[in-house]
């Protein structure tokens, strides 16, 4: 019986590691980060990436100069957005948990119009070659996002704690 529990534990741990290695964290703007100083063409940056469910966007910025707001397509196009939540420390994580379009802007006056805005397409991890159709709706709304610099728990992150605990339970 103990031998079976060890095998099950090993398989669960391998599943967990496989799941964690599949997700990617993208630092928005790469080494330049999220900035209004025109060092990064965020449209060009985003089209060079393939975002999938389970991936994470990491926005790194100077919180005294910039912010990040998840907005609707209409507000993205008009550069309308208002900060919400608690003040940021300059590192914002946005887990990508559903497929479709996401829109981000800096709501500091003039920054969005100067190009500090980002549109991404999140693809299903099961079929990366298939892009979402225009009718695809995104379940993530601006009020659901991380605006306080805290780590939001994605499914991969949760598995990294649940599976080892379950494995220990089986072994005991």
C-alpha atoms as a PDB file:
ATOM      1  CA  UNK A   1       0.000   0.000   0.000  1.00  0.00           C
ATOM      2  CA  UNK A   2       2.832   2.413   0.852  1.00  0.00           C
ATOM      3  CA  UNK A   3       4.470   1.639  -2.487  1.00  0.00           C
ATOM      4  CA  UNK A   4       1.287   2.635  -4.320  1.00  0.00           C
ATOM      5  CA  UNK A   5       1.091   5.899  -2.365  1.00  0.00           C
ATOM      6  CA  UNK A   6       4.681   6.740  -3.291  1.00  0.00           C
ATOM      7  CA  UNK A   7       3.975   6.108  -6.970  1.00  0.00           C
ATOM      8  CA  UNK A   8       0.801   8.212  -6.857  1.00  0.00           C
ATOM      9  CA  UNK A   9       2.695  10.975  -5.052  1.00  0.00           C
ATOM     10  CA  UNK A  10       5.447  10.914  -7.656  1.00  0.00           C
ATOM     11  CA  UNK A  11       2.928  11.108 -10.507  1.00  0.00           C
ATOM     12  CA  UNK A  12       1.107  13.996  -8.853  1.00  0.00           C
ATOM     13  CA  UNK A  13       4.368  15.873  -8.330  1.00  0.00           C
ATOM     14  CA  UNK A  14       5.330  15.338 -11.995  1.00  0.00           C
ATOM     15  CA  UNK A  15       1.900  16.605 -13.076  1.00  0.00           C
ATOM     16  CA  UNK A  16       2.355  19.669 -10.884  1.00  0.00           C
ATOM     17  CA  UNK A  17       5.821  20.426 -12.282  1.00  0.00           C
ATOM     18  CA  UNK A  18       4.616  19.923 -15.846  1.00  0.00           C
ATOM     19  CA  UNK A  19       1.735  22.332 -15.257  1.00  0.00           C
ATOM     20  CA  UNK A  20       3.988  24.965 -13.722  1.00  0.00           C
ATOM     21  CA  UNK A  21       6.480  24.845 -16.563  1.00  0.00           C
ATOM     22  CA  UNK A  22       3.786  25.347 -19.186  1.00  0.00           C
ATOM     23  CA  UNK A  23       2.731  28.788 -17.944  1.00  0.00           C
ATOM     24  CA  UNK A  24       4.881  31.768 -18.846  1.00  0.00           C
ATOM     25  CA  UNK A  25       5.335  35.117 -17.153  1.00  0.00           C
ATOM     26  CA  UNK A  26       5.682  37.975 -19.613  1.00  0.00           C
ATOM     27  CA  UNK A  27       7.310  41.171 -18.376  1.00  0.00           C
ATOM     28  CA  UNK A  28       5.395  43.817 -20.306  1.00  0.00           C
ATOM     29  CA  UNK A  29       7.846  45.882 -22.322  1.00  0.00           C
ATOM     30  CA  UNK A  30      10.658  43.437 -21.475  1.00  0.00           C
ATOM     31  CA  UNK A  31      13.612  45.227 -19.853  1.00  0.00           C
ATOM     32  CA  UNK A  32      12.087  48.710 -20.402  1.00  0.00           C
ATOM     33  CA  UNK A  33       8.962  47.737 -18.457  1.00  0.00           C
ATOM     34  CA  UNK A  34       5.716  49.698 -18.458  1.00  0.00           C
ATOM     35  CA  UNK A  35       6.717  53.269 -19.199  1.00  0.00           C
ATOM     36  CA  UNK A  36       5.534  56.360 -21.018  1.00  0.00           C
ATOM     37  CA  UNK A  37       8.960  57.402 -22.286  1.00  0.00           C
ATOM     38  CA  UNK A  38       8.315  55.870 -25.733  1.00  0.00           C
ATOM     39  CA  UNK A  39      11.052  53.235 -25.404  1.00  0.00           C
ATOM     40  CA  UNK A  40       8.551  50.496 -26.181  1.00  0.00           C
ATOM     41  CA  UNK A  41       5.991  50.066 -28.930  1.00  0.00           C
ATOM     42  CA  UNK A  42       3.507  48.007 -26.890  1.00  0.00           C
ATOM     43  CA  UNK A  43       1.512  47.024 -29.970  1.00  0.00           C
ATOM     44  CA  UNK A  44       4.619  45.589 -31.607  1.00  0.00           C
ATOM     45  CA  UNK A  45       5.634  43.979 -28.307  1.00  0.00           C
ATOM     46  CA  UNK A  46       2.264  42.221 -27.873  1.00  0.00           C
ATOM     47  CA  UNK A  47       1.983  40.850 -31.406  1.00  0.00           C
ATOM     48  CA  UNK A  48       5.397  39.219 -31.020  1.00  0.00           C
ATOM     49  CA  UNK A  49       4.053  37.082 -28.131  1.00  0.00           C
ATOM     50  CA  UNK A  50       1.643  34.164 -27.919  1.00  0.00           C
ATOM     51  CA  UNK A  51      -0.389  34.530 -24.718  1.00  0.00           C
ATOM     52  CA  UNK A  52      -2.214  31.491 -23.379  1.00  0.00           C
ATOM     53  CA  UNK A  53      -4.568  30.805 -20.500  1.00  0.00           C
ATOM     54  CA  UNK A  54      -2.398  30.253 -17.429  1.00  0.00           C
ATOM     55  CA  UNK A  55       0.251  32.780 -18.453  1.00  0.00           C
ATOM     56  CA  UNK A  56       0.856  35.909 -16.380  1.00  0.00           C
ATOM     57  CA  UNK A  57       1.498  39.506 -17.427  1.00  0.00           C
ATOM     58  CA  UNK A  58       3.900  41.307 -15.112  1.00  0.00           C
ATOM     59  CA  UNK A  59       3.817  45.095 -15.313  1.00  0.00           C
ATOM     60  CA  UNK A  60       6.902  46.741 -13.785  1.00  0.00           C
ATOM     61  CA  UNK A  61       6.823  50.527 -13.508  1.00  0.00           C
ATOM     62  CA  UNK A  62       7.579  53.548 -11.368  1.00  0.00           C
ATOM     63  CA  UNK A  63       4.426  53.963  -9.237  1.00  0.00           C
ATOM     64  CA  UNK A  64       5.179  57.693  -8.826  1.00  0.00           C
ATOM     65  CA  UNK A  65       4.890  58.204 -12.596  1.00  0.00           C
ATOM     66  CA  UNK A  66       2.705  55.446 -14.032  1.00  0.00           C
ATOM     67  CA  UNK A  67      -0.149  53.077 -13.252  1.00  0.00           C
ATOM     68  CA  UNK A  68      -1.939  50.214 -14.941  1.00  0.00           C
ATOM     69  CA  UNK A  69      -5.677  49.927 -15.486  1.00  0.00           C
ATOM     70  CA  UNK A  70      -7.596  47.103 -17.151  1.00  0.00           C
ATOM     71  CA  UNK A  71     -10.273  48.685 -19.354  1.00  0.00           C
ATOM     72  CA  UNK A  72     -12.912  47.857 -21.939  1.00  0.00           C
ATOM     73  CA  UNK A  73     -12.191  48.083 -25.659  1.00  0.00           C
ATOM     74  CA  UNK A  74     -14.179  51.339 -25.851  1.00  0.00           C
ATOM     75  CA  UNK A  75     -12.145  52.903 -23.004  1.00  0.00           C
ATOM     76  CA  UNK A  76      -8.929  51.577 -24.556  1.00  0.00           C
ATOM     77  CA  UNK A  77      -9.679  53.291 -27.851  1.00  0.00           C
ATOM     78  CA  UNK A  78     -10.651  56.553 -26.079  1.00  0.00           C
ATOM     79  CA  UNK A  79      -7.833  56.333 -23.493  1.00  0.00           C
ATOM     80  CA  UNK A  80     -10.351  56.522 -20.646  1.00  0.00           C
ATOM     81  CA  UNK A  81      -9.522  54.823 -17.394  1.00  0.00           C
ATOM     82  CA  UNK A  82      -9.445  55.481 -13.705  1.00  0.00           C
ATOM     83  CA  UNK A  83      -7.178  53.836 -11.147  1.00  0.00           C
ATOM     84  CA  UNK A  84      -8.937  51.671  -8.610  1.00  0.00           C
ATOM     85  CA  UNK A  85      -7.914  49.633  -5.607  1.00  0.00           C
ATOM     86  CA  UNK A  86      -4.995  50.420  -3.361  1.00  0.00           C
ATOM     87  CA  UNK A  87      -1.843  52.212  -4.536  1.00  0.00           C
ATOM     88  CA  UNK A  88       0.639  50.031  -6.362  1.00  0.00           C
ATOM     89  CA  UNK A  89       4.220  49.278  -5.480  1.00  0.00           C
ATOM     90  CA  UNK A  90       5.141  49.175  -9.175  1.00  0.00           C
ATOM     91  CA  UNK A  91       4.748  45.452  -9.830  1.00  0.00           C
ATOM     92  CA  UNK A  92       1.364  44.255 -11.006  1.00  0.00           C
ATOM     93  CA  UNK A  93       0.597  40.639 -11.911  1.00  0.00           C
ATOM     94  CA  UNK A  94      -2.359  39.828 -14.161  1.00  0.00           C
ATOM     95  CA  UNK A  95      -3.049  36.095 -14.512  1.00  0.00           C
ATOM     96  CA  UNK A  96      -4.562  35.292 -17.891  1.00  0.00           C
ATOM     97  CA  UNK A  97      -7.448  33.023 -16.966  1.00  0.00           C
ATOM     98  CA  UNK A  98      -9.768  33.221 -19.958  1.00  0.00           C
ATOM     99  CA  UNK A  99      -9.353  33.543 -23.689  1.00  0.00           C
ATOM    100  CA  UNK A 100     -10.168  36.699 -25.580  1.00  0.00           C
ATOM    101  CA  UNK A 101      -9.006  40.286 -25.743  1.00  0.00           C
ATOM    102  CA  UNK A 102      -7.613  42.278 -22.816  1.00  0.00           C
ATOM    103  CA  UNK A 103      -6.969  46.005 -22.807  1.00  0.00           C
ATOM    104  CA  UNK A 104      -4.632  47.898 -20.464  1.00  0.00           C
ATOM    105  CA  UNK A 105      -3.780  51.588 -20.268  1.00  0.00           C
ATOM    106  CA  UNK A 106      -1.888  54.006 -18.072  1.00  0.00           C
ATOM    107  CA  UNK A 107      -4.487  56.474 -16.784  1.00  0.00           C
ATOM    108  CA  UNK A 108      -1.985  59.257 -16.022  1.00  0.00           C
ATOM    109  CA  UNK A 109      -3.056  62.163 -18.280  1.00  0.00           C
ATOM    110  CA  UNK A 110      -1.333  62.014 -21.671  1.00  0.00           C
ATOM    111  CA  UNK A 111       0.387  58.647 -21.179  1.00  0.00           C
ATOM    112  CA  UNK A 112      -2.157  56.481 -23.001  1.00  0.00           C
ATOM    113  CA  UNK A 113      -2.383  58.887 -25.924  1.00  0.00           C
ATOM    114  CA  UNK A 114       1.439  58.816 -26.073  1.00  0.00           C
ATOM    115  CA  UNK A 115       1.293  55.023 -26.561  1.00  0.00           C
ATOM    116  CA  UNK A 116       1.292  53.579 -23.044  1.00  0.00           C
ATOM    117  CA  UNK A 117      -1.483  51.120 -23.753  1.00  0.00           C
ATOM    118  CA  UNK A 118      -1.559  47.413 -24.432  1.00  0.00           C
ATOM    119  CA  UNK A 119      -3.994  45.120 -26.210  1.00  0.00           C
ATOM    120  CA  UNK A 120      -3.429  41.382 -26.059  1.00  0.00           C
ATOM    121  CA  UNK A 121      -5.161  38.270 -27.309  1.00  0.00           C
ATOM    122  CA  UNK A 122      -5.241  35.333 -24.913  1.00  0.00           C
ATOM    123  CA  UNK A 123      -5.499  31.938 -26.610  1.00  0.00           C
ATOM    124  CA  UNK A 124      -6.735  28.644 -25.236  1.00  0.00           C
ATOM    125  CA  UNK A 125      -3.814  26.525 -24.034  1.00  0.00           C
ATOM    126  CA  UNK A 126      -5.443  23.455 -25.633  1.00  0.00           C
ATOM    127  CA  UNK A 127      -5.422  24.902 -29.156  1.00  0.00           C
ATOM    128  CA  UNK A 128      -2.740  27.610 -29.449  1.00  0.00           C
ATOM    129  CA  UNK A 129      -3.140  27.934 -33.214  1.00  0.00           C
ATOM    130  CA  UNK A 130      -6.779  28.966 -32.951  1.00  0.00           C
ATOM    131  CA  UNK A 131      -7.364  32.649 -32.319  1.00  0.00           C
ATOM    132  CA  UNK A 132     -10.547  33.692 -30.537  1.00  0.00           C
ATOM    133  CA  UNK A 133     -13.352  34.985 -32.690  1.00  0.00           C
ATOM    134  CA  UNK A 134     -14.508  38.595 -32.372  1.00  0.00           C
ATOM    135  CA  UNK A 135     -17.614  37.359 -30.558  1.00  0.00           C
ATOM    136  CA  UNK A 136     -15.506  35.845 -27.773  1.00  0.00           C
ATOM    137  CA  UNK A 137     -16.254  37.636 -24.545  1.00  0.00           C
ATOM    138  CA  UNK A 138     -13.714  37.932 -21.796  1.00  0.00           C
ATOM    139  CA  UNK A 139     -14.865  37.063 -18.298  1.00  0.00           C
ATOM    140  CA  UNK A 140     -12.245  39.309 -16.693  1.00  0.00           C
ATOM    141  CA  UNK A 141     -13.531  42.778 -15.962  1.00  0.00           C
ATOM    142  CA  UNK A 142     -11.577  45.810 -14.779  1.00  0.00           C
ATOM    143  CA  UNK A 143     -12.834  45.287 -11.237  1.00  0.00           C
ATOM    144  CA  UNK A 144     -11.486  41.696 -11.232  1.00  0.00           C
ATOM    145  CA  UNK A 145      -7.871  42.676 -11.859  1.00  0.00           C
ATOM    146  CA  UNK A 146      -4.951  42.958  -9.492  1.00  0.00           C
ATOM    147  CA  UNK A 147      -4.436  46.606  -8.780  1.00  0.00           C
ATOM    148  CA  UNK A 148      -2.662  46.375  -5.472  1.00  0.00           C
ATOM    149  CA  UNK A 149       0.549  44.603  -6.440  1.00  0.00           C
ATOM    150  CA  UNK A 150      -0.526  41.397  -4.727  1.00  0.00           C
ATOM    151  CA  UNK A 151      -0.111  37.926  -6.133  1.00  0.00           C
ATOM    152  CA  UNK A 152      -3.351  36.594  -7.537  1.00  0.00           C
ATOM    153  CA  UNK A 153      -3.706  32.852  -7.314  1.00  0.00           C
ATOM    154  CA  UNK A 154      -3.819  31.152 -10.677  1.00  0.00           C
ATOM    155  CA  UNK A 155      -4.754  27.513 -11.100  1.00  0.00           C
ATOM    156  CA  UNK A 156      -1.096  26.543 -11.563  1.00  0.00           C
ATOM    157  CA  UNK A 157      -0.148  28.403  -8.414  1.00  0.00           C
ATOM    158  CA  UNK A 158      -2.919  26.674  -6.459  1.00  0.00           C
ATOM    159  CA  UNK A 159      -1.842  23.264  -7.743  1.00  0.00           C
ATOM    160  CA  UNK A 160       1.670  23.899  -6.470  1.00  0.00           C
ATOM    161  CA  UNK A 161       0.243  23.839  -2.938  1.00  0.00           C
ATOM    162  CA  UNK A 162      -2.725  21.473  -3.237  1.00  0.00           C
ATOM    163  CA  UNK A 163      -0.983  18.575  -4.967  1.00  0.00           C
ATOM    164  CA  UNK A 164       1.961  18.235  -2.534  1.00  0.00           C
ATOM    165  CA  UNK A 165      -0.468  18.392   0.397  1.00  0.00           C
ATOM    166  CA  UNK A 166      -2.618  15.704  -1.190  1.00  0.00           C
ATOM    167  CA  UNK A 167       0.493  13.611  -1.860  1.00  0.00           C
ATOM    168  CA  UNK A 168       1.517  13.841   1.775  1.00  0.00           C
ATOM    169  CA  UNK A 169      -1.983  12.773   2.793  1.00  0.00           C
ATOM    170  CA  UNK A 170      -1.735   9.671   0.587  1.00  0.00           C
ATOM    171  CA  UNK A 171       1.667   8.725   1.950  1.00  0.00           C
ATOM    172  CA  UNK A 172       0.586   9.107   5.595  1.00  0.00           C
END
